[in-house]
PDB file of N, CA and C in Angstrom:
ATOM      1  N   UNK A   1      -1.850  -8.950 -20.434  1.00  0.00           N
ATOM      2  CA  UNK A   1      -3.289  -8.991 -20.506  1.00  0.00           C
ATOM      3  C   UNK A   1      -3.782 -10.396 -20.221  1.00  0.00           C
ATOM      4  N   UNK A   2      -5.039 -10.511 -19.916  1.00  0.00           N
ATOM      5  CA  UNK A   2      -5.609 -11.795 -19.530  1.00  0.00           C
ATOM      6  C   UNK A   2      -6.382 -12.429 -20.683  1.00  0.00           C
ATOM      7  N   UNK A   3      -5.859 -12.373 -21.872  1.00  0.00           N
ATOM      8  CA  UNK A   3      -6.574 -12.885 -23.035  1.00  0.00           C
ATOM      9  C   UNK A   3      -6.634 -14.401 -23.089  1.00  0.00           C
ATOM     10  N   UNK A   4      -5.695 -15.102 -22.475  1.00  0.00           N
ATOM     11  CA  UNK A   4      -5.613 -16.554 -22.622  1.00  0.00           C
ATOM     12  C   UNK A   4      -6.160 -17.314 -21.418  1.00  0.00           C
ATOM     13  N   UNK A   5      -6.995 -16.693 -20.616  1.00  0.00           N
ATOM     14  CA  UNK A   5      -7.547 -17.368 -19.445  1.00  0.00           C
ATOM     15  C   UNK A   5      -8.885 -17.990 -19.844  1.00  0.00           C
ATOM     16  N   UNK A   6      -9.006 -19.290 -19.620  1.00  0.00           N
ATOM     17  CA  UNK A   6     -10.236 -19.995 -19.986  1.00  0.00           C
ATOM     18  C   UNK A   6     -10.672 -20.878 -18.831  1.00  0.00           C
ATOM     19  N   UNK A   7     -11.923 -21.243 -18.835  1.00  0.00           N
ATOM     20  CA  UNK A   7     -12.490 -22.155 -17.842  1.00  0.00           C
ATOM     21  C   UNK A   7     -12.255 -21.667 -16.410  1.00  0.00           C
ATOM     22  N   UNK A   8     -12.609 -20.426 -16.135  1.00  0.00           N
ATOM     23  CA  UNK A   8     -12.439 -19.865 -14.792  1.00  0.00           C
ATOM     24  C   UNK A   8     -13.718 -20.116 -14.017  1.00  0.00           C
ATOM     25  N   UNK A   9     -13.570 -20.722 -12.854  1.00  0.00           N
ATOM     26  CA  UNK A   9     -14.710 -21.004 -11.986  1.00  0.00           C
ATOM     27  C   UNK A   9     -14.485 -20.242 -10.676  1.00  0.00           C
ATOM     28  N   UNK A  10     -15.259 -19.206 -10.445  1.00  0.00           N
ATOM     29  CA  UNK A  10     -15.082 -18.373  -9.258  1.00  0.00           C
ATOM     30  C   UNK A  10     -16.020 -18.854  -8.164  1.00  0.00           C
ATOM     31  N   UNK A  11     -15.431 -19.260  -7.039  1.00  0.00           N
ATOM     32  CA  UNK A  11     -16.212 -19.691  -5.880  1.00  0.00           C
ATOM     33  C   UNK A  11     -15.619 -19.051  -4.636  1.00  0.00           C
ATOM     34  N   UNK A  12     -16.385 -19.012  -3.586  1.00  0.00           N
ATOM     35  CA  UNK A  12     -15.915 -18.496  -2.300  1.00  0.00           C
ATOM     36  C   UNK A  12     -15.131 -19.582  -1.581  1.00  0.00           C
ATOM     37  N   UNK A  13     -13.998 -19.209  -1.020  1.00  0.00           N
ATOM     38  CA  UNK A  13     -13.216 -20.157  -0.213  1.00  0.00           C
ATOM     39  C   UNK A  13     -13.886 -20.293   1.151  1.00  0.00           C
ATOM     40  N   UNK A  14     -13.967 -21.517   1.629  1.00  0.00           N
ATOM     41  CA  UNK A  14     -14.579 -21.770   2.929  1.00  0.00           C
ATOM     42  C   UNK A  14     -13.561 -21.780   4.064  1.00  0.00           C
ATOM     43  N   UNK A  15     -12.285 -21.809   3.721  1.00  0.00           N
ATOM     44  CA  UNK A  15     -11.240 -21.813   4.750  1.00  0.00           C
ATOM     45  C   UNK A  15      -9.993 -21.149   4.179  1.00  0.00           C
ATOM     46  N   UNK A  16      -9.077 -20.811   5.055  1.00  0.00           N
ATOM     47  CA  UNK A  16      -7.823 -20.213   4.614  1.00  0.00           C
ATOM     48  C   UNK A  16      -7.017 -21.207   3.775  1.00  0.00           C
ATOM     49  N   UNK A  17      -7.078 -22.481   4.132  1.00  0.00           N
ATOM     50  CA  UNK A  17      -6.374 -23.509   3.354  1.00  0.00           C
ATOM     51  C   UNK A  17      -6.912 -23.579   1.925  1.00  0.00           C
ATOM     52  N   UNK A  18      -8.225 -23.478   1.788  1.00  0.00           N
ATOM     53  CA  UNK A  18      -8.840 -23.509   0.456  1.00  0.00           C
ATOM     54  C   UNK A  18      -8.459 -22.248  -0.324  1.00  0.00           C
ATOM     55  N   UNK A  19      -8.400 -21.115   0.336  1.00  0.00           N
ATOM     56  CA  UNK A  19      -8.002 -19.874  -0.316  1.00  0.00           C
ATOM     57  C   UNK A  19      -6.566 -19.962  -0.827  1.00  0.00           C
ATOM     58  N   UNK A  20      -5.681 -20.490   0.003  1.00  0.00           N
ATOM     59  CA  UNK A  20      -4.277 -20.650  -0.399  1.00  0.00           C
ATOM     60  C   UNK A  20      -4.172 -21.601  -1.580  1.00  0.00           C
ATOM     61  N   UNK A  21      -4.914 -22.693  -1.545  1.00  0.00           N
ATOM     62  CA  UNK A  21      -4.896 -23.656  -2.650  1.00  0.00           C
ATOM     63  C   UNK A  21      -5.423 -23.011  -3.932  1.00  0.00           C
ATOM     64  N   UNK A  22      -6.482 -22.205  -3.798  1.00  0.00           N
ATOM     65  CA  UNK A  22      -7.028 -21.523  -4.974  1.00  0.00           C
ATOM     66  C   UNK A  22      -6.007 -20.557  -5.565  1.00  0.00           C
ATOM     67  N   UNK A  23      -5.330 -19.819  -4.712  1.00  0.00           N
ATOM     68  CA  UNK A  23      -4.340 -18.848  -5.187  1.00  0.00           C
ATOM     69  C   UNK A  23      -3.149 -19.540  -5.837  1.00  0.00           C
ATOM     70  N   UNK A  24      -2.815 -20.720  -5.351  1.00  0.00           N
ATOM     71  CA  UNK A  24      -1.691 -21.455  -5.922  1.00  0.00           C
ATOM     72  C   UNK A  24      -1.994 -21.906  -7.345  1.00  0.00           C
ATOM     73  N   UNK A  25      -3.271 -21.979  -7.696  1.00  0.00           N
ATOM     74  CA  UNK A  25      -3.653 -22.422  -9.037  1.00  0.00           C
ATOM     75  C   UNK A  25      -3.653 -21.297 -10.060  1.00  0.00           C
ATOM     76  N   UNK A  26      -3.410 -20.063  -9.637  1.00  0.00           N
ATOM     77  CA  UNK A  26      -3.379 -18.935 -10.570  1.00  0.00           C
ATOM     78  C   UNK A  26      -2.139 -19.087 -11.444  1.00  0.00           C
ATOM     79  N   UNK A  27      -2.310 -19.093 -12.752  1.00  0.00           N
ATOM     80  CA  UNK A  27      -1.158 -19.274 -13.644  1.00  0.00           C
ATOM     81  C   UNK A  27      -0.146 -18.137 -13.477  1.00  0.00           C
ATOM     82  N   UNK A  28       1.124 -18.486 -13.589  1.00  0.00           N
ATOM     83  CA  UNK A  28       2.187 -17.498 -13.453  1.00  0.00           C
ATOM     84  C   UNK A  28       2.063 -16.401 -14.509  1.00  0.00           C
ATOM     85  N   UNK A  29       1.482 -16.721 -15.647  1.00  0.00           N
ATOM     86  CA  UNK A  29       1.364 -15.742 -16.734  1.00  0.00           C
ATOM     87  C   UNK A  29       0.434 -14.580 -16.391  1.00  0.00           C
ATOM     88  N   UNK A  30      -0.433 -14.740 -15.395  1.00  0.00           N
ATOM     89  CA  UNK A  30      -1.350 -13.658 -15.024  1.00  0.00           C
ATOM     90  C   UNK A  30      -0.989 -13.016 -13.688  1.00  0.00           C
ATOM     91  N   UNK A  31       0.025 -13.549 -13.033  1.00  0.00           N
ATOM     92  CA  UNK A  31       0.455 -12.955 -11.770  1.00  0.00           C
ATOM     93  C   UNK A  31       1.471 -11.862 -12.026  1.00  0.00           C
ATOM     94  N   UNK A  32       1.442 -10.828 -11.229  1.00  0.00           N
ATOM     95  CA  UNK A  32       2.419  -9.753 -11.341  1.00  0.00           C
ATOM     96  C   UNK A  32       3.678 -10.150 -10.588  1.00  0.00           C
ATOM     97  N   UNK A  33       4.823  -9.745 -11.097  1.00  0.00           N
ATOM     98  CA  UNK A  33       6.054 -10.013 -10.342  1.00  0.00           C
ATOM     99  C   UNK A  33       6.047  -9.196  -9.051  1.00  0.00           C
ATOM    100  N   UNK A  34       6.720  -9.665  -8.019  1.00  0.00           N
ATOM    101  CA  UNK A  34       6.728  -8.916  -6.758  1.00  0.00           C
ATOM    102  C   UNK A  34       7.364  -7.542  -6.958  1.00  0.00           C
ATOM    103  N   UNK A  35       6.740  -6.558  -6.379  1.00  0.00           N
ATOM    104  CA  UNK A  35       7.256  -5.199  -6.469  1.00  0.00           C
ATOM    105  C   UNK A  35       8.177  -4.938  -5.285  1.00  0.00           C
ATOM    106  N   UNK A  36       9.316  -4.386  -5.564  1.00  0.00           N
ATOM    107  CA  UNK A  36      10.221  -4.035  -4.482  1.00  0.00           C
ATOM    108  C   UNK A  36       9.745  -2.732  -3.861  1.00  0.00           C
ATOM    109  N   UNK A  37       9.680  -2.677  -2.542  1.00  0.00           N
ATOM    110  CA  UNK A  37       9.215  -1.435  -1.914  1.00  0.00           C
ATOM    111  C   UNK A  37      10.197  -0.303  -2.199  1.00  0.00           C
ATOM    112  N   UNK A  38       9.635   0.871  -2.343  1.00  0.00           N
ATOM    113  CA  UNK A  38      10.481   2.031  -2.562  1.00  0.00           C
ATOM    114  C   UNK A  38      11.231   2.354  -1.278  1.00  0.00           C
ATOM    115  N   UNK A  39      12.452   2.774  -1.447  1.00  0.00           N
ATOM    116  CA  UNK A  39      13.236   3.162  -0.281  1.00  0.00           C
ATOM    117  C   UNK A  39      12.702   4.491   0.248  1.00  0.00           C
ATOM    118  N   UNK A  40      12.636   4.617   1.569  1.00  0.00           N
ATOM    119  CA  UNK A  40      12.112   5.875   2.122  1.00  0.00           C
ATOM    120  C   UNK A  40      13.037   7.044   1.786  1.00  0.00           C
ATOM    121  N   UNK A  41      12.427   8.185   1.549  1.00  0.00           N
ATOM    122  CA  UNK A  41      13.194   9.394   1.293  1.00  0.00           C
ATOM    123  C   UNK A  41      13.424  10.114   2.608  1.00  0.00           C
ATOM    124  N   UNK A  42      14.526  10.790   2.684  1.00  0.00           N
ATOM    125  CA  UNK A  42      14.765  11.622   3.848  1.00  0.00           C
ATOM    126  C   UNK A  42      13.950  12.895   3.693  1.00  0.00           C
ATOM    127  N   UNK A  43      13.216  13.235   4.739  1.00  0.00           N
ATOM    128  CA  UNK A  43      12.428  14.458   4.712  1.00  0.00           C
ATOM    129  C   UNK A  43      13.356  15.649   4.913  1.00  0.00           C
ATOM    130  N   UNK A  44      13.035  16.748   4.278  1.00  0.00           N
ATOM    131  CA  UNK A  44      13.872  17.923   4.507  1.00  0.00           C
ATOM    132  C   UNK A  44      13.789  18.354   5.967  1.00  0.00           C
ATOM    133  N   UNK A  45      14.855  18.935   6.446  1.00  0.00           N
ATOM    134  CA  UNK A  45      14.880  19.398   7.837  1.00  0.00           C
ATOM    135  C   UNK A  45      13.789  20.442   8.034  1.00  0.00           C
ATOM    136  N   UNK A  46      13.088  20.338   9.157  1.00  0.00           N
ATOM    137  CA  UNK A  46      12.017  21.272   9.462  1.00  0.00           C
ATOM    138  C   UNK A  46      12.589  22.404  10.285  1.00  0.00           C
ATOM    139  N   UNK A  47      12.195  23.595   9.939  1.00  0.00           N
ATOM    140  CA  UNK A  47      12.675  24.765  10.659  1.00  0.00           C
ATOM    141  C   UNK A  47      11.499  25.602  11.109  1.00  0.00           C
ATOM    142  N   UNK A  48      11.630  26.228  12.256  1.00  0.00           N
ATOM    143  CA  UNK A  48      10.613  27.148  12.740  1.00  0.00           C
ATOM    144  C   UNK A  48      10.848  28.473  12.032  1.00  0.00           C
ATOM    145  N   UNK A  49       9.843  28.884  11.280  1.00  0.00           N
ATOM    146  CA  UNK A  49       9.962  30.129  10.525  1.00  0.00           C
ATOM    147  C   UNK A  49       9.273  31.259  11.276  1.00  0.00           C
ATOM    148  N   UNK A  50       9.460  32.457  10.784  1.00  0.00           N
ATOM    149  CA  UNK A  50       8.781  33.610  11.382  1.00  0.00           C
ATOM    150  C   UNK A  50       7.263  33.456  11.268  1.00  0.00           C
ATOM    151  N   UNK A  51       6.800  32.837  10.183  1.00  0.00           N
ATOM    152  CA  UNK A  51       5.369  32.595  10.019  1.00  0.00           C
ATOM    153  C   UNK A  51       4.834  31.647  11.076  1.00  0.00           C
ATOM    154  N   UNK A  52       5.611  30.612  11.429  1.00  0.00           N
ATOM    155  CA  UNK A  52       5.203  29.680  12.491  1.00  0.00           C
ATOM    156  C   UNK A  52       5.113  30.408  13.826  1.00  0.00           C
ATOM    157  N   UNK A  53       6.114  31.215  14.095  1.00  0.00           N
ATOM    158  CA  UNK A  53       6.120  31.967  15.361  1.00  0.00           C
ATOM    159  C   UNK A  53       4.940  32.924  15.430  1.00  0.00           C
ATOM    160  N   UNK A  54       4.605  33.559  14.318  1.00  0.00           N
ATOM    161  CA  UNK A  54       3.513  34.526  14.293  1.00  0.00           C
ATOM    162  C   UNK A  54       2.165  33.865  14.586  1.00  0.00           C
ATOM    163  N   UNK A  55       2.011  32.602  14.203  1.00  0.00           N
ATOM    164  CA  UNK A  55       0.744  31.906  14.437  1.00  0.00           C
ATOM    165  C   UNK A  55       0.460  31.712  15.926  1.00  0.00           C
ATOM    166  N   UNK A  56       1.481  31.572  16.740  1.00  0.00           N
ATOM    167  CA  UNK A  56       1.272  31.295  18.152  1.00  0.00           C
ATOM    168  C   UNK A  56       1.660  32.477  19.037  1.00  0.00           C
ATOM    169  N   UNK A  57       2.018  33.578  18.418  1.00  0.00           N
ATOM    170  CA  UNK A  57       2.409  34.755  19.197  1.00  0.00           C
ATOM    171  C   UNK A  57       1.242  35.221  20.052  1.00  0.00           C
ATOM    172  N   UNK A  58       1.511  35.475  21.316  1.00  0.00           N
ATOM    173  CA  UNK A  58       0.486  35.950  22.230  1.00  0.00           C
ATOM    174  C   UNK A  58      -0.296  34.840  22.912  1.00  0.00           C
ATOM    175  N   UNK A  59      -0.116  33.611  22.508  1.00  0.00           N
ATOM    176  CA  UNK A  59      -0.812  32.511  23.173  1.00  0.00           C
ATOM    177  C   UNK A  59       0.037  32.034  24.354  1.00  0.00           C
ATOM    178  N   UNK A  60      -0.631  31.871  25.502  1.00  0.00           N
ATOM    179  CA  UNK A  60       0.095  31.395  26.675  1.00  0.00           C
ATOM    180  C   UNK A  60       0.372  29.895  26.564  1.00  0.00           C
ATOM    181  N   UNK A  61      -0.551  29.180  25.936  1.00  0.00           N
ATOM    182  CA  UNK A  61      -0.404  27.720  25.813  1.00  0.00           C
ATOM    183  C   UNK A  61      -0.676  27.330  24.380  1.00  0.00           C
ATOM    184  N   UNK A  62       0.233  26.599  23.783  1.00  0.00           N
ATOM    185  CA  UNK A  62       0.068  26.160  22.403  1.00  0.00           C
ATOM    186  C   UNK A  62      -0.069  24.646  22.373  1.00  0.00           C
ATOM    187  N   UNK A  63      -1.166  24.178  21.850  1.00  0.00           N
ATOM    188  CA  UNK A  63      -1.417  22.743  21.790  1.00  0.00           C
ATOM    189  C   UNK A  63      -1.493  22.303  20.358  1.00  0.00           C
TER     190      UNK A  63
END
């Protein structure tokens, strides 16, 4: 929680350098640790079912 944050002065950064400097001043106690990205899951194999075939039955061109 952010209970111990005092003397916060919020201003707009005029440049990217100023923004980076402002972010560097954020205390470590209020920053979140880096999150590791989740590993991608393998999608189940897709199969053409009878229902899929029925949807396009009789169509000369399927888009």
